[in-house]
């Protein structure tokens, strides 16, 4: 936790497109050649 006045008031959310440690496992890694692109979509939903 950060000391005042820098204490954060909300969570940080980072979209990911692969499982943990992808460079070691090679699982679900997308390799793009020069000029290629990729698109990902994600969202958040409040529960409760």
C-alpha atoms as a PDB file:
ATOM      1  CA  UNK A   1       0.000   0.000   0.000  1.00  0.00           C
ATOM      2  CA  UNK A   2       1.245   3.486  -0.803  1.00  0.00           C
ATOM      3  CA  UNK A   3       1.524   6.124   1.924  1.00  0.00           C
ATOM      4  CA  UNK A   4      -0.835   9.098   1.894  1.00  0.00           C
ATOM      5  CA  UNK A   5      -1.498  11.130  -0.230  1.00  0.00           C
ATOM      6  CA  UNK A   6      -0.618   8.623  -2.992  1.00  0.00           C
ATOM      7  CA  UNK A   7      -2.887   5.816  -1.759  1.00  0.00           C
ATOM      8  CA  UNK A   8      -4.848   4.336  -4.637  1.00  0.00           C
ATOM      9  CA  UNK A   9      -8.625   4.257  -4.486  1.00  0.00           C
ATOM     10  CA  UNK A  10      -9.344   1.599  -7.083  1.00  0.00           C
ATOM     11  CA  UNK A  11      -7.989  -1.582  -8.635  1.00  0.00           C
ATOM     12  CA  UNK A  12      -5.659  -1.737 -11.602  1.00  0.00           C
ATOM     13  CA  UNK A  13      -6.905  -3.890 -14.465  1.00  0.00           C
ATOM     14  CA  UNK A  14      -4.683  -5.071 -17.296  1.00  0.00           C
ATOM     15  CA  UNK A  15      -6.018  -7.088 -20.223  1.00  0.00           C
ATOM     16  CA  UNK A  16      -3.929 -10.123 -21.131  1.00  0.00           C
ATOM     17  CA  UNK A  17      -4.140 -12.303 -24.211  1.00  0.00           C
ATOM     18  CA  UNK A  18      -2.271 -15.361 -22.919  1.00  0.00           C
ATOM     19  CA  UNK A  19      -1.858 -17.478 -19.783  1.00  0.00           C
ATOM     20  CA  UNK A  20       0.890 -16.776 -17.201  1.00  0.00           C
ATOM     21  CA  UNK A  21       4.554 -17.155 -18.239  1.00  0.00           C
ATOM     22  CA  UNK A  22       3.885 -17.457 -21.995  1.00  0.00           C
ATOM     23  CA  UNK A  23       7.485 -16.924 -23.126  1.00  0.00           C
ATOM     24  CA  UNK A  24       8.647 -19.942 -21.114  1.00  0.00           C
ATOM     25  CA  UNK A  25       5.736 -22.234 -22.022  1.00  0.00           C
ATOM     26  CA  UNK A  26       5.024 -20.941 -25.546  1.00  0.00           C
ATOM     27  CA  UNK A  27       1.321 -21.451 -24.813  1.00  0.00           C
ATOM     28  CA  UNK A  28      -1.026 -19.130 -26.721  1.00  0.00           C
ATOM     29  CA  UNK A  29       1.776 -16.787 -27.831  1.00  0.00           C
ATOM     30  CA  UNK A  30       0.909 -14.748 -30.913  1.00  0.00           C
ATOM     31  CA  UNK A  31       3.936 -14.035 -33.061  1.00  0.00           C
ATOM     32  CA  UNK A  32       3.392 -11.154 -35.455  1.00  0.00           C
ATOM     33  CA  UNK A  33       5.469 -10.668 -38.544  1.00  0.00           C
ATOM     34  CA  UNK A  34       6.327  -7.119 -39.659  1.00  0.00           C
ATOM     35  CA  UNK A  35       3.182  -5.363 -40.883  1.00  0.00           C
ATOM     36  CA  UNK A  36       0.789  -7.841 -39.205  1.00  0.00           C
ATOM     37  CA  UNK A  37      -1.616  -6.834 -36.453  1.00  0.00           C
ATOM     38  CA  UNK A  38      -3.930  -8.466 -33.970  1.00  0.00           C
ATOM     39  CA  UNK A  39      -7.079  -7.424 -32.138  1.00  0.00           C
ATOM     40  CA  UNK A  40      -8.342  -8.482 -28.732  1.00  0.00           C
ATOM     41  CA  UNK A  41     -11.559  -7.691 -26.905  1.00  0.00           C
ATOM     42  CA  UNK A  42     -12.196  -7.812 -23.181  1.00  0.00           C
ATOM     43  CA  UNK A  43     -14.610  -6.346 -20.672  1.00  0.00           C
ATOM     44  CA  UNK A  44     -15.573  -6.007 -17.023  1.00  0.00           C
ATOM     45  CA  UNK A  45     -18.772  -6.953 -15.299  1.00  0.00           C
ATOM     46  CA  UNK A  46     -19.841  -6.045 -11.758  1.00  0.00           C
ATOM     47  CA  UNK A  47     -21.056  -9.013  -9.737  1.00  0.00           C
ATOM     48  CA  UNK A  48     -23.151  -8.697  -6.619  1.00  0.00           C
END
